[in-house]
Amino acid sequence: KSRPSPTRHLVCSVRRIAPRNMGLPTEEWKAKACFSEAAPGGNPEDRVKKHVPVVTIEGGKAKLVVAHGMAAEHWIQAVWIEVDGKVVAEKEFAHTDKPEAELDIPAGTKTVTAYSMCNQHDVYASADISIA
């Protein structure tokens, strides 16, 4: 069974770049609308730090925390982890939720990348995280 994209119905400025039912983010899409500490894309440093998920790996789980406030007009809509470019776990949020998630990592995974999506500031990625 295929997993739905964490971005399947989210209203975000990436819709300017990707089709309405864009499916999983592609490398081309990520290059245009995904930011990180290594590639801030002109975003101020404090914006990047508030959006990039902080990841802790423990016991086959990835704990993601995004240091972003949550308000009706501005919130983190979703977080997810990818392994080899494929979404393996995700969580969506309402503006009333804390932007935190504990996601299962598939057995045998060597590296994960975590993502967060803000309703106003696109998508942010962590650095690749090695699994011991």
N, C-alpha and C. Protein backbone atom coordinates (compact mmCIF):
# COMPACT_ATOMS: atom_id res chain seq x y z
N LYS A 1 0.85 -1.18 0.00
CA LYS A 1 0.00 0.00 0.00
C LYS A 1 0.89 1.23 0.00
N SER A 2 0.64 2.16 -0.89
CA SER A 2 1.47 3.36 -0.93
C SER A 2 1.03 4.33 0.16
N ARG A 3 1.98 5.08 0.67
CA ARG A 3 1.71 6.05 1.73
C ARG A 3 1.29 7.37 1.10
N PRO A 4 0.35 8.06 1.68
CA PRO A 4 -0.01 9.38 1.16
C PRO A 4 1.11 10.36 1.44
N SER A 5 1.23 11.35 0.61
CA SER A 5 2.23 12.39 0.83
C SER A 5 1.82 13.23 2.02
N PRO A 6 2.78 13.64 2.85
CA PRO A 6 2.42 14.53 3.95
C PRO A 6 1.97 15.90 3.45
N THR A 7 2.16 16.16 2.19
CA THR A 7 1.77 17.45 1.62
C THR A 7 0.52 17.35 0.76
N ARG A 8 -0.23 16.25 0.86
CA ARG A 8 -1.31 15.99 -0.10
C ARG A 8 -2.41 17.04 -0.12
N HIS A 9 -2.71 17.69 0.98
CA HIS A 9 -3.80 18.65 0.96
C HIS A 9 -3.42 19.96 1.65
N LEU A 10 -2.15 20.14 1.90
CA LEU A 10 -1.73 21.32 2.65
C LEU A 10 -1.66 22.54 1.74
N VAL A 11 -2.15 23.65 2.25
CA VAL A 11 -2.10 24.90 1.50
C VAL A 11 -0.77 25.55 1.83
N CYS A 12 0.07 25.67 0.84
CA CYS A 12 1.41 26.20 1.06
C CYS A 12 1.90 26.85 -0.21
N SER A 13 2.86 27.71 -0.08
CA SER A 13 3.36 28.41 -1.25
C SER A 13 4.05 27.49 -2.24
N VAL A 14 4.36 26.25 -1.85
CA VAL A 14 4.97 25.34 -2.81
C VAL A 14 4.00 25.01 -3.94
N ARG A 15 2.73 25.27 -3.76
CA ARG A 15 1.77 25.02 -4.83
C ARG A 15 2.08 25.88 -6.06
N ARG A 16 2.83 26.97 -5.88
CA ARG A 16 3.26 27.77 -7.03
C ARG A 16 4.21 26.97 -7.89
N ILE A 17 4.89 26.02 -7.29
CA ILE A 17 5.95 25.27 -7.96
C ILE A 17 5.46 23.89 -8.41
N ALA A 18 4.67 23.25 -7.57
CA ALA A 18 4.26 21.86 -7.81
C ALA A 18 2.78 21.79 -8.15
N PRO A 19 2.36 20.76 -8.87
CA PRO A 19 0.94 20.60 -9.16
C PRO A 19 0.13 20.38 -7.89
N ARG A 20 -1.17 20.62 -7.97
CA ARG A 20 -2.05 20.53 -6.79
C ARG A 20 -1.94 19.19 -6.08
N ASN A 21 -1.94 18.10 -6.79
CA ASN A 21 -1.78 16.77 -6.19
C ASN A 21 -0.37 16.29 -6.49
N MET A 22 0.61 16.94 -5.86
CA MET A 22 1.98 16.74 -6.27
C MET A 22 2.59 15.42 -5.84
N GLY A 23 1.97 14.69 -4.96
CA GLY A 23 2.57 13.44 -4.52
C GLY A 23 3.81 13.72 -3.69
N LEU A 24 4.71 12.76 -3.62
CA LEU A 24 5.91 12.92 -2.81
C LEU A 24 6.84 13.95 -3.41
N PRO A 25 7.56 14.67 -2.55
CA PRO A 25 8.51 15.66 -3.06
C PRO A 25 9.57 15.00 -3.93
N THR A 26 9.88 15.61 -5.04
CA THR A 26 10.92 15.12 -5.93
C THR A 26 12.20 15.91 -5.68
N GLU A 27 13.31 15.44 -6.19
CA GLU A 27 14.57 16.17 -6.03
C GLU A 27 14.47 17.56 -6.65
N GLU A 28 13.82 17.67 -7.81
CA GLU A 28 13.67 18.98 -8.45
C GLU A 28 12.83 19.92 -7.57
N TRP A 29 11.73 19.39 -7.04
CA TRP A 29 10.88 20.18 -6.17
C TRP A 29 11.63 20.62 -4.92
N LYS A 30 12.39 19.68 -4.31
CA LYS A 30 13.15 20.01 -3.12
C LYS A 30 14.17 21.11 -3.39
N ALA A 31 14.78 21.09 -4.56
CA ALA A 31 15.78 22.10 -4.90
C ALA A 31 15.15 23.49 -4.97
N LYS A 32 13.88 23.58 -5.30
CA LYS A 32 13.21 24.88 -5.44
C LYS A 32 12.51 25.34 -4.17
N ALA A 33 12.08 24.42 -3.31
CA ALA A 33 11.21 24.82 -2.19
C ALA A 33 11.58 24.18 -0.87
N CYS A 34 12.80 23.70 -0.73
CA CYS A 34 13.20 23.06 0.52
C CYS A 34 14.47 23.73 1.02
N PHE A 35 14.45 24.13 2.28
CA PHE A 35 15.58 24.86 2.86
C PHE A 35 16.18 24.07 4.01
N SER A 36 17.43 24.39 4.35
CA SER A 36 18.12 23.74 5.46
C SER A 36 19.18 24.69 5.98
N GLU A 37 19.87 24.28 7.05
CA GLU A 37 20.96 25.11 7.55
C GLU A 37 22.07 25.21 6.51
N ALA A 38 22.29 24.14 5.76
CA ALA A 38 23.33 24.16 4.73
C ALA A 38 22.90 24.94 3.49
N ALA A 39 21.61 25.01 3.22
CA ALA A 39 21.09 25.71 2.04
C ALA A 39 19.89 26.57 2.47
N PRO A 40 20.15 27.72 3.12
CA PRO A 40 19.05 28.52 3.66
C PRO A 40 18.23 29.27 2.62
N GLY A 41 18.71 29.35 1.39
CA GLY A 41 17.93 29.98 0.32
C GLY A 41 17.59 31.43 0.59
N GLY A 42 18.46 32.17 1.25
CA GLY A 42 18.19 33.57 1.52
C GLY A 42 17.34 33.82 2.76
N ASN A 43 16.92 32.77 3.43
CA ASN A 43 16.14 32.92 4.67
C ASN A 43 17.07 33.37 5.81
N PRO A 44 16.58 34.22 6.70
CA PRO A 44 17.39 34.60 7.86
C PRO A 44 17.69 33.37 8.72
N GLU A 45 18.83 33.40 9.39
CA GLU A 45 19.27 32.26 10.21
C GLU A 45 18.23 31.87 11.26
N ASP A 46 17.59 32.87 11.90
CA ASP A 46 16.61 32.53 12.94
C ASP A 46 15.39 31.83 12.35
N ARG A 47 14.99 32.15 11.12
CA ARG A 47 13.87 31.45 10.49
C ARG A 47 14.23 29.99 10.24
N VAL A 48 15.44 29.76 9.75
CA VAL A 48 15.88 28.39 9.48
C VAL A 48 15.89 27.59 10.78
N LYS A 49 16.46 28.15 11.84
CA LYS A 49 16.53 27.43 13.13
C LYS A 49 15.15 27.09 13.69
N LYS A 50 14.15 27.93 13.44
CA LYS A 50 12.79 27.67 13.94
C LYS A 50 12.06 26.61 13.12
N HIS A 51 12.54 26.32 11.92
CA HIS A 51 11.82 25.42 11.03
C HIS A 51 12.47 24.06 10.84
N VAL A 52 13.80 23.99 10.93
CA VAL A 52 14.48 22.71 10.71
C VAL A 52 14.20 21.79 11.90
N PRO A 53 13.72 20.57 11.63
CA PRO A 53 13.44 19.65 12.74
C PRO A 53 14.73 19.21 13.44
N VAL A 54 14.68 19.19 14.76
CA VAL A 54 15.78 18.64 15.56
C VAL A 54 15.43 17.18 15.79
N VAL A 55 16.37 16.30 15.49
CA VAL A 55 16.10 14.86 15.51
C VAL A 55 16.96 14.15 16.53
N THR A 56 16.32 13.29 17.30
CA THR A 56 17.00 12.39 18.23
C THR A 56 16.62 10.97 17.84
N ILE A 57 17.62 10.12 17.65
CA ILE A 57 17.38 8.73 17.28
C ILE A 57 17.61 7.86 18.51
N GLU A 58 16.62 7.02 18.81
CA GLU A 58 16.74 6.14 19.96
C GLU A 58 15.81 4.94 19.80
N GLY A 59 16.38 3.75 19.90
CA GLY A 59 15.57 2.53 19.90
C GLY A 59 14.66 2.35 18.70
N GLY A 60 15.15 2.60 17.50
CA GLY A 60 14.33 2.41 16.30
C GLY A 60 13.29 3.49 16.05
N LYS A 61 13.42 4.59 16.76
CA LYS A 61 12.48 5.70 16.59
C LYS A 61 13.25 7.00 16.38
N ALA A 62 12.64 7.88 15.61
CA ALA A 62 13.17 9.23 15.42
C ALA A 62 12.21 10.18 16.12
N LYS A 63 12.73 10.94 17.08
CA LYS A 63 11.93 11.96 17.73
C LYS A 63 12.25 13.28 17.05
N LEU A 64 11.22 13.92 16.48
CA LEU A 64 11.36 15.20 15.79
C LEU A 64 10.71 16.29 16.62
N VAL A 65 11.43 17.37 16.80
CA VAL A 65 10.91 18.54 17.50
C VAL A 65 11.24 19.75 16.63
N VAL A 66 10.23 20.58 16.40
CA VAL A 66 10.43 21.80 15.62
C VAL A 66 10.20 22.97 16.58
N ALA A 67 11.19 23.87 16.67
CA ALA A 67 11.14 25.00 17.61
C ALA A 67 10.34 26.15 17.03
N HIS A 68 9.12 25.88 16.66
CA HIS A 68 8.27 26.83 15.95
C HIS A 68 7.00 27.05 16.75
N GLY A 69 6.57 28.27 16.89
CA GLY A 69 5.30 28.53 17.54
C GLY A 69 4.14 27.98 16.72
N MET A 70 3.02 27.78 17.37
CA MET A 70 1.84 27.25 16.69
C MET A 70 0.68 28.22 16.94
N ALA A 71 0.16 28.80 15.88
CA ALA A 71 -0.96 29.74 15.97
C ALA A 71 -1.87 29.51 14.78
N ALA A 72 -3.11 29.94 14.89
CA ALA A 72 -4.10 29.70 13.84
C ALA A 72 -3.64 30.22 12.47
N GLU A 73 -2.86 31.28 12.47
CA GLU A 73 -2.44 31.85 11.19
C GLU A 73 -1.05 31.39 10.74
N HIS A 74 -0.31 30.67 11.62
CA HIS A 74 1.06 30.30 11.28
C HIS A 74 1.47 29.09 12.11
N TRP A 75 1.68 27.94 11.46
CA TRP A 75 2.00 26.72 12.20
C TRP A 75 2.76 25.73 11.33
N ILE A 76 3.32 24.72 11.99
CA ILE A 76 3.95 23.60 11.29
C ILE A 76 2.83 22.63 10.94
N GLN A 77 2.69 22.35 9.65
CA GLN A 77 1.60 21.50 9.18
C GLN A 77 1.92 20.02 9.26
N ALA A 78 3.20 19.66 9.07
CA ALA A 78 3.56 18.25 9.05
C ALA A 78 5.06 18.08 9.24
N VAL A 79 5.43 16.91 9.71
CA VAL A 79 6.82 16.47 9.72
C VAL A 79 6.85 15.07 9.13
N TRP A 80 7.99 14.71 8.56
CA TRP A 80 8.14 13.35 8.04
C TRP A 80 9.60 13.00 7.96
N ILE A 81 9.88 11.69 7.84
CA ILE A 81 11.24 11.23 7.61
C ILE A 81 11.27 10.46 6.30
N GLU A 82 12.42 10.59 5.65
CA GLU A 82 12.65 9.88 4.40
C GLU A 82 13.87 8.99 4.54
N VAL A 83 13.80 7.84 3.87
CA VAL A 83 14.91 6.92 3.73
C VAL A 83 15.05 6.67 2.23
N ASP A 84 16.23 6.91 1.69
CA ASP A 84 16.47 6.74 0.26
C ASP A 84 15.44 7.49 -0.59
N GLY A 85 15.07 8.70 -0.16
CA GLY A 85 14.16 9.53 -0.93
C GLY A 85 12.69 9.15 -0.83
N LYS A 86 12.36 8.19 0.03
CA LYS A 86 10.96 7.76 0.19
C LYS A 86 10.47 8.08 1.59
N VAL A 87 9.25 8.60 1.68
CA VAL A 87 8.64 8.88 2.97
C VAL A 87 8.34 7.54 3.65
N VAL A 88 8.85 7.39 4.88
CA VAL A 88 8.60 6.14 5.61
C VAL A 88 7.74 6.36 6.85
N ALA A 89 7.63 7.60 7.30
CA ALA A 89 6.78 7.90 8.45
C ALA A 89 6.47 9.40 8.44
N GLU A 90 5.28 9.76 8.92
CA GLU A 90 4.85 11.16 8.87
C GLU A 90 3.85 11.45 9.97
N LYS A 91 3.70 12.73 10.27
CA LYS A 91 2.66 13.17 11.20
C LYS A 91 2.22 14.57 10.78
N GLU A 92 0.91 14.77 10.74
CA GLU A 92 0.35 16.08 10.43
C GLU A 92 -0.12 16.73 11.73
N PHE A 93 -0.15 18.07 11.74
CA PHE A 93 -0.52 18.82 12.93
C PHE A 93 -1.64 19.81 12.64
N ALA A 94 -2.43 20.05 13.67
CA ALA A 94 -3.34 21.20 13.69
C ALA A 94 -2.58 22.33 14.38
N HIS A 95 -3.05 23.54 14.21
CA HIS A 95 -2.34 24.66 14.83
C HIS A 95 -2.36 24.61 16.36
N THR A 96 -3.20 23.77 16.92
CA THR A 96 -3.29 23.63 18.38
C THR A 96 -2.35 22.55 18.94
N ASP A 97 -1.68 21.80 18.06
CA ASP A 97 -0.76 20.74 18.48
C ASP A 97 0.63 21.28 18.77
N LYS A 98 1.44 20.49 19.48
CA LYS A 98 2.86 20.78 19.61
C LYS A 98 3.54 20.17 18.38
N PRO A 99 4.50 20.86 17.78
CA PRO A 99 5.17 20.30 16.61
C PRO A 99 6.25 19.29 16.99
N GLU A 100 5.80 18.16 17.53
CA GLU A 100 6.68 17.09 17.97
C GLU A 100 6.11 15.76 17.50
N ALA A 101 6.99 14.83 17.16
CA ALA A 101 6.53 13.52 16.71
C ALA A 101 7.58 12.47 17.03
N GLU A 102 7.11 11.27 17.29
CA GLU A 102 7.99 10.11 17.43
C GLU A 102 7.62 9.16 16.31
N LEU A 103 8.54 8.96 15.38
CA LEU A 103 8.26 8.19 14.18
C LEU A 103 9.13 6.93 14.13
N ASP A 104 8.54 5.84 13.68
CA ASP A 104 9.26 4.57 13.56
C ASP A 104 10.23 4.62 12.39
N ILE A 105 11.43 4.08 12.61
CA ILE A 105 12.43 3.96 11.56
C ILE A 105 12.46 2.49 11.14
N PRO A 106 12.35 2.21 9.84
CA PRO A 106 12.39 0.82 9.39
C PRO A 106 13.72 0.14 9.76
N ALA A 107 13.64 -1.14 10.11
CA ALA A 107 14.83 -1.92 10.43
C ALA A 107 15.79 -1.89 9.24
N GLY A 108 17.07 -1.82 9.55
CA GLY A 108 18.10 -1.83 8.51
C GLY A 108 18.42 -0.46 7.92
N THR A 109 17.71 0.57 8.38
CA THR A 109 17.95 1.92 7.86
C THR A 109 19.32 2.40 8.31
N LYS A 110 20.06 2.99 7.38
CA LYS A 110 21.39 3.51 7.69
C LYS A 110 21.38 5.03 7.85
N THR A 111 20.50 5.71 7.10
CA THR A 111 20.45 7.18 7.13
C THR A 111 19.01 7.65 6.96
N VAL A 112 18.62 8.68 7.72
CA VAL A 112 17.31 9.31 7.54
C VAL A 112 17.50 10.81 7.38
N THR A 113 16.53 11.43 6.74
CA THR A 113 16.44 12.88 6.65
C THR A 113 15.05 13.26 7.14
N ALA A 114 14.99 14.27 8.01
CA ALA A 114 13.71 14.71 8.56
C ALA A 114 13.31 16.03 7.89
N TYR A 115 11.99 16.22 7.74
CA TYR A 115 11.45 17.42 7.09
C TYR A 115 10.33 17.99 7.94
N SER A 116 10.15 19.31 7.82
CA SER A 116 8.97 19.96 8.39
C SER A 116 8.40 20.89 7.34
N MET A 117 7.08 21.07 7.39
CA MET A 117 6.42 21.98 6.46
C MET A 117 5.65 23.02 7.25
N CYS A 118 5.97 24.29 6.97
CA CYS A 118 5.30 25.43 7.59
C CYS A 118 4.26 25.96 6.61
N ASN A 119 3.12 26.38 7.12
CA ASN A 119 2.07 26.87 6.23
C ASN A 119 2.44 28.19 5.56
N GLN A 120 3.47 28.88 6.06
CA GLN A 120 3.87 30.14 5.44
C GLN A 120 5.27 30.13 4.84
N HIS A 121 6.14 29.21 5.29
CA HIS A 121 7.55 29.30 4.89
C HIS A 121 8.09 28.03 4.24
N ASP A 122 7.27 27.26 3.57
CA ASP A 122 7.70 26.11 2.79
C ASP A 122 8.24 24.96 3.65
N VAL A 123 9.18 24.21 3.10
CA VAL A 123 9.67 22.97 3.69
C VAL A 123 11.13 23.14 4.12
N TYR A 124 11.46 22.56 5.27
CA TYR A 124 12.83 22.62 5.80
C TYR A 124 13.30 21.20 6.10
N ALA A 125 14.58 20.94 5.82
CA ALA A 125 15.14 19.60 6.01
C ALA A 125 16.27 19.63 7.02
N SER A 126 16.37 18.54 7.77
CA SER A 126 17.54 18.35 8.64
C SER A 126 18.70 17.90 7.76
N ALA A 127 19.86 17.86 8.34
CA ALA A 127 20.98 17.19 7.68
C ALA A 127 20.67 15.70 7.67
N ASP A 128 21.32 14.94 6.81
CA ASP A 128 21.18 13.48 6.85
C ASP A 128 21.69 12.99 8.21
N ILE A 129 20.95 12.06 8.79
CA ILE A 129 21.27 11.54 10.11
C ILE A 129 21.64 10.08 9.98
N SER A 130 22.86 9.73 10.41
CA SER A 130 23.31 8.34 10.36
C SER A 130 22.76 7.56 11.53
N ILE A 131 22.34 6.33 11.26
CA ILE A 131 21.82 5.44 12.29
C ILE A 131 22.93 4.47 12.64
N ALA A 132 23.28 4.38 13.90
CA ALA A 132 24.39 3.50 14.33
C ALA A 132 23.97 2.06 14.29
